[in-house]
Amino acid sequence: MKVSTVIKKTEKSLKENSPAVLTAIGVSGTISTAYLAGKAGYYAAEDINRIQYLEDRVLDTKEKFKTTWKLYIPAVVSGVVTIVCVVNATRIGTRRTAAAYTLLSVSERAFAEYKDKVVEVVGERKEQTVRDGIAQDRVTNNPPSTKEIFVTGKGTVLCCEMHTGRYFESDMESLRKAENELNKRLLNELYATLSDFYCIVGLPYTSSSDDIGWDSDKLMALKFSTVLSDDGRPCIAFDYNYTKPIPYSSS
């Protein structure tokens, strides 16, 4: 392999993993700075004691500084490098997160437009038929008999939230009520997260449910399909009209 190729691959790898590399350097730098500062302090104390012993007097603060400041140069340099690495790692991470949110938002909007156009072209009945078929396939391939079913105390009908593939017991009335409650929150607070909806219907949060949701530009709407589970039980499968990145958590 050519040296130029190796260099290019190395540069590419460093750019892709720059936050991790900078964070690792920052951690190492923190340890190095502490060590160098301790070492400098030890030698500084020795120098001060030696001079005071030889000259039989106590050095003032200014004299101590002039005597020992050079010993702290390595610790200062290490500290500055550490701070620069940590700041840049945070900056790159923040920039990449913002870019990911933007890309996800564009993708979600494009998908929502695509679904709206499908309804417009084939009609609501055929679109519902397609959606029902997709819901049935998901339930068939992800049967409730192999999954934990959450008991929410808000109904006894088997339900499947297709975003996460989780099953729980509820009913159509409770789900519609949850939809209305979330949209009321949207109108009052301008945004709501998926965690807010989970709280209303009685489902546990997920690792990403605080980060996606809805804003007041378009209210949340549940899309229902009635399917059969692997053991023959009726199941309400539902999805959302759309979700979008929410770069802040609900409170």
Protein backbone atom coordinates (compact mmCIF):
# COMPACT_ATOMS: atom_id res chain seq x y z
CA MET A 1 0.00 0.00 0.00
CA LYS A 2 1.29 3.46 -0.91
CA VAL A 3 2.35 5.82 1.83
CA SER A 4 -0.01 8.51 0.45
CA THR A 5 -2.94 6.08 0.69
CA VAL A 6 -2.10 5.26 4.30
CA ILE A 7 -1.88 8.96 5.12
CA LYS A 8 -5.26 9.68 3.51
CA LYS A 9 -6.94 6.79 5.33
CA THR A 10 -5.40 7.93 8.60
CA GLU A 11 -6.62 11.50 8.05
CA LYS A 12 -10.10 10.23 7.22
CA SER A 13 -10.21 8.04 10.33
CA LEU A 14 -9.03 10.90 12.54
CA LYS A 15 -11.69 13.24 11.13
CA GLU A 16 -14.46 10.70 11.61
CA ASN A 17 -13.38 9.89 15.17
CA SER A 18 -12.10 13.32 16.15
CA PRO A 19 -14.47 13.77 19.16
CA ALA A 20 -13.36 10.44 20.63
CA VAL A 21 -9.69 11.20 19.94
CA LEU A 22 -9.93 14.67 21.46
CA THR A 23 -11.80 13.34 24.49
CA ALA A 24 -9.13 10.68 25.02
CA ILE A 25 -6.41 13.33 24.80
CA GLY A 26 -8.39 15.50 27.22
CA VAL A 27 -8.64 12.68 29.77
CA SER A 28 -4.94 11.90 29.43
CA GLY A 29 -4.16 15.59 29.64
CA THR A 30 -6.07 15.94 32.90
CA ILE A 31 -4.02 13.17 34.46
CA SER A 32 -0.77 14.55 33.01
CA THR A 33 -1.54 18.06 34.22
CA ALA A 34 -2.17 16.83 37.76
CA TYR A 35 1.06 14.81 37.71
CA LEU A 36 3.16 17.64 36.29
CA ALA A 37 1.69 20.17 38.72
CA GLY A 38 2.44 17.86 41.65
CA LYS A 39 5.97 17.25 40.39
CA ALA A 40 6.55 20.98 39.90
CA GLY A 41 5.23 21.71 43.39
CA TYR A 42 7.63 19.16 44.89
CA TYR A 43 10.70 20.58 43.16
CA ALA A 44 9.58 24.14 43.83
CA ALA A 45 9.37 23.42 47.54
CA GLU A 46 12.85 21.88 47.45
CA ASP A 47 14.34 24.92 45.65
CA ILE A 48 12.70 27.37 48.03
CA ASN A 49 13.84 25.49 51.12
CA ARG A 50 17.37 25.17 49.73
CA ILE A 51 17.66 28.93 48.99
CA GLN A 52 16.17 29.88 52.35
CA TYR A 53 18.60 27.56 54.12
CA LEU A 54 21.63 28.88 52.21
CA GLU A 55 20.65 32.53 52.62
CA ASP A 56 19.22 32.07 56.09
CA ARG A 57 16.07 34.07 55.37
CA VAL A 58 12.46 33.60 54.30
CA LEU A 59 11.67 34.38 50.67
CA ASP A 60 8.64 36.58 50.00
CA THR A 61 5.93 35.66 47.49
CA LYS A 62 7.53 37.56 44.60
CA GLU A 63 10.89 35.88 45.16
CA LYS A 64 9.28 32.46 45.35
CA PHE A 65 7.52 33.09 42.05
CA LYS A 66 10.71 34.20 40.30
CA THR A 67 12.51 31.15 41.62
CA THR A 68 9.96 28.52 40.67
CA TRP A 69 7.74 29.73 37.81
CA LYS A 70 9.66 27.87 35.08
CA LEU A 71 9.01 24.58 36.85
CA TYR A 72 5.26 24.98 36.22
CA ILE A 73 5.56 25.56 32.45
CA PRO A 74 4.98 21.87 31.51
CA ALA A 75 1.87 21.70 33.71
CA VAL A 76 0.48 24.94 32.24
CA VAL A 77 1.09 23.75 28.67
CA SER A 78 -0.54 20.41 29.44
CA GLY A 79 -3.53 22.18 31.01
CA VAL A 80 -4.00 24.47 28.02
CA VAL A 81 -3.82 21.55 25.57
CA THR A 82 -6.35 19.65 27.69
CA ILE A 83 -8.80 22.57 27.72
CA VAL A 84 -8.46 23.06 23.94
CA CYS A 85 -9.12 19.36 23.30
CA VAL A 86 -12.18 19.23 25.55
CA VAL A 87 -13.66 22.43 24.07
CA ASN A 88 -13.11 21.25 20.49
CA ALA A 89 -14.51 17.78 21.23
CA THR A 90 -17.65 19.40 22.65
CA ARG A 91 -17.90 21.80 19.71
CA ILE A 92 -17.57 19.03 17.11
CA GLY A 93 -20.05 16.82 18.97
CA THR A 94 -22.58 19.65 19.19
CA ARG A 95 -22.18 20.49 15.51
CA ARG A 96 -22.63 16.86 14.47
CA THR A 97 -25.69 16.48 16.70
CA ALA A 98 -27.25 19.59 15.17
CA ALA A 99 -26.53 18.26 11.68
CA ALA A 100 -28.11 14.91 12.57
CA TYR A 101 -31.22 16.65 13.91
CA THR A 102 -31.48 18.69 10.70
CA LEU A 103 -31.07 15.62 8.49
CA LEU A 104 -33.63 13.65 10.49
CA SER A 105 -36.07 16.54 10.36
CA VAL A 106 -35.74 16.76 6.57
CA SER A 107 -36.20 13.00 6.22
CA GLU A 108 -39.28 13.02 8.45
CA ARG A 109 -40.81 15.88 6.49
CA ALA A 110 -40.10 14.16 3.16
CA PHE A 111 -41.66 10.93 4.41
CA ALA A 112 -44.74 12.76 5.68
CA GLU A 113 -45.13 14.46 2.27
CA TYR A 114 -44.73 11.07 0.59
CA LYS A 115 -47.49 9.51 2.70
CA ASP A 116 -49.79 12.46 2.02
CA LYS A 117 -49.19 12.09 -1.71
CA VAL A 118 -49.92 8.34 -1.56
CA VAL A 119 -53.30 9.10 0.02
CA GLU A 120 -53.96 11.72 -2.64
CA VAL A 121 -53.08 9.39 -5.54
CA VAL A 122 -54.56 6.03 -4.47
CA GLY A 123 -57.30 7.30 -2.14
CA GLU A 124 -57.85 6.89 1.57
CA ARG A 125 -59.39 3.40 1.35
CA LYS A 126 -56.51 1.87 -0.60
CA GLU A 127 -53.96 3.65 1.59
CA GLN A 128 -55.71 2.24 4.66
CA THR A 129 -55.61 -1.23 3.10
CA VAL A 130 -51.87 -0.92 2.52
CA ARG A 131 -51.33 0.35 6.05
CA ASP A 132 -53.42 -2.50 7.49
CA GLY A 133 -51.32 -5.01 5.57
CA ILE A 134 -48.10 -3.49 6.88
CA ALA A 135 -49.45 -3.52 10.45
CA GLN A 136 -50.47 -7.18 10.12
CA ASP A 137 -47.03 -8.12 8.82
CA ARG A 138 -45.34 -6.36 11.73
CA VAL A 139 -47.53 -8.07 14.32
CA THR A 140 -47.06 -11.44 12.60
CA ASN A 141 -43.28 -11.04 12.49
CA ASN A 142 -43.17 -9.65 16.03
CA PRO A 143 -45.81 -11.76 17.84
CA PRO A 144 -47.03 -10.69 21.29
CA SER A 145 -46.62 -14.22 22.58
CA THR A 146 -42.86 -13.65 22.55
CA LYS A 147 -42.98 -10.15 24.06
CA GLU A 148 -43.71 -8.51 27.39
CA ILE A 149 -47.24 -7.07 27.47
CA PHE A 150 -47.53 -3.96 29.63
CA VAL A 151 -50.62 -3.71 31.80
CA THR A 152 -51.57 -0.03 31.95
CA GLY A 153 -54.91 -0.30 33.76
CA LYS A 154 -56.54 1.68 30.94
CA GLY A 155 -58.30 -1.13 29.09
CA THR A 156 -57.97 -4.81 28.28
CA VAL A 157 -57.63 -4.79 24.46
CA LEU A 158 -54.25 -5.83 23.07
CA CYS A 159 -52.47 -2.86 21.47
CA CYS A 160 -49.23 -2.59 19.51
CA GLU A 161 -47.30 0.67 19.27
CA MET A 162 -45.53 0.14 15.96
CA HIS A 163 -42.83 2.74 16.56
CA THR A 164 -41.18 0.48 19.15
CA GLY A 165 -43.06 -2.77 18.52
CA ARG A 166 -44.21 -2.89 22.16
CA TYR A 167 -47.49 -4.44 23.27
CA PHE A 168 -49.75 -3.19 26.04
CA GLU A 169 -53.36 -3.36 27.17
CA SER A 170 -55.62 -0.38 26.53
CA ASP A 171 -58.61 0.40 24.31
CA MET A 172 -59.60 2.72 21.50
CA GLU A 173 -61.31 5.22 23.83
CA SER A 174 -58.19 5.56 26.00
CA LEU A 175 -55.93 5.99 22.97
CA ARG A 176 -58.18 8.68 21.49
CA LYS A 177 -58.26 10.40 24.87
CA ALA A 178 -54.46 10.29 25.01
CA GLU A 179 -54.29 11.78 21.51
CA ASN A 180 -56.56 14.67 22.51
CA GLU A 181 -54.66 15.27 25.74
CA LEU A 182 -51.33 15.42 23.93
CA ASN A 183 -52.69 17.83 21.31
CA LYS A 184 -54.06 20.04 24.09
CA ARG A 185 -50.55 20.15 25.53
CA LEU A 186 -49.18 20.99 22.08
CA LEU A 187 -51.49 23.97 21.78
CA ASN A 188 -50.60 25.22 25.27
CA GLU A 189 -46.86 24.46 25.37
CA LEU A 190 -46.02 24.51 21.62
CA TYR A 191 -44.28 21.12 21.68
CA ALA A 192 -44.60 17.65 23.21
CA THR A 193 -42.33 14.63 23.16
CA LEU A 194 -43.00 10.95 22.63
CA SER A 195 -42.25 10.52 26.35
CA ASP A 196 -45.25 12.75 27.08
CA PHE A 197 -47.48 10.43 25.07
CA TYR A 198 -46.01 7.33 26.74
CA CYS A 199 -46.74 8.88 30.13
CA ILE A 200 -50.39 9.42 29.17
CA VAL A 201 -50.97 5.87 27.86
CA GLY A 202 -48.91 4.21 30.63
CA LEU A 203 -45.89 2.99 28.65
CA PRO A 204 -42.31 3.26 29.97
CA TYR A 205 -40.03 5.80 28.33
CA THR A 206 -37.34 4.70 25.88
CA SER A 207 -33.79 5.98 25.42
CA SER A 208 -34.89 8.23 22.54
CA SER A 209 -38.47 9.18 23.45
CA ASP A 210 -37.37 12.51 24.97
CA ASP A 211 -35.72 13.50 21.69
CA ILE A 212 -38.60 13.16 19.21
CA GLY A 213 -42.16 14.39 19.21
CA TRP A 214 -44.38 17.07 17.76
CA ASP A 215 -44.71 20.82 17.67
CA SER A 216 -47.68 23.11 17.20
CA ASP A 217 -47.12 23.36 13.43
CA LYS A 218 -48.98 20.05 13.02
CA LEU A 219 -50.95 18.22 15.68
CA MET A 220 -50.33 14.57 16.46
CA ALA A 221 -52.69 12.07 14.85
CA LEU A 222 -52.77 8.33 15.54
CA LYS A 223 -53.10 5.99 12.55
CA PHE A 224 -55.00 2.83 13.54
CA SER A 225 -55.20 -0.64 12.04
CA THR A 226 -57.07 -3.61 13.47
CA VAL A 227 -55.15 -6.87 13.06
CA LEU A 228 -54.97 -10.34 14.59
CA SER A 229 -52.18 -11.55 16.86
CA ASP A 230 -50.54 -14.97 16.49
CA ASP A 231 -52.97 -16.45 19.04
CA GLY A 232 -56.06 -15.07 17.30
CA ARG A 233 -56.67 -12.04 19.52
CA PRO A 234 -57.84 -8.76 17.99
CA CYS A 235 -55.06 -6.18 18.24
CA ILE A 236 -55.13 -2.41 17.76
CA ALA A 237 -51.92 -1.52 15.93
CA PHE A 238 -51.17 2.18 15.67
CA ASP A 239 -48.53 4.54 14.41
CA TYR A 240 -48.21 8.32 14.28
CA ASN A 241 -48.82 10.77 11.47
CA TYR A 242 -45.23 11.97 11.91
CA THR A 243 -42.59 12.71 14.50
CA LYS A 244 -39.74 15.18 14.42
CA PRO A 245 -36.55 15.85 16.42
CA ILE A 246 -37.10 17.82 19.60
CA PRO A 247 -33.68 19.23 20.67
CA TYR A 248 -34.85 19.80 24.23
CA SER A 249 -36.49 17.68 26.87
CA SER A 250 -39.96 18.19 28.24
CA SER A 251 -40.29 19.31 31.82
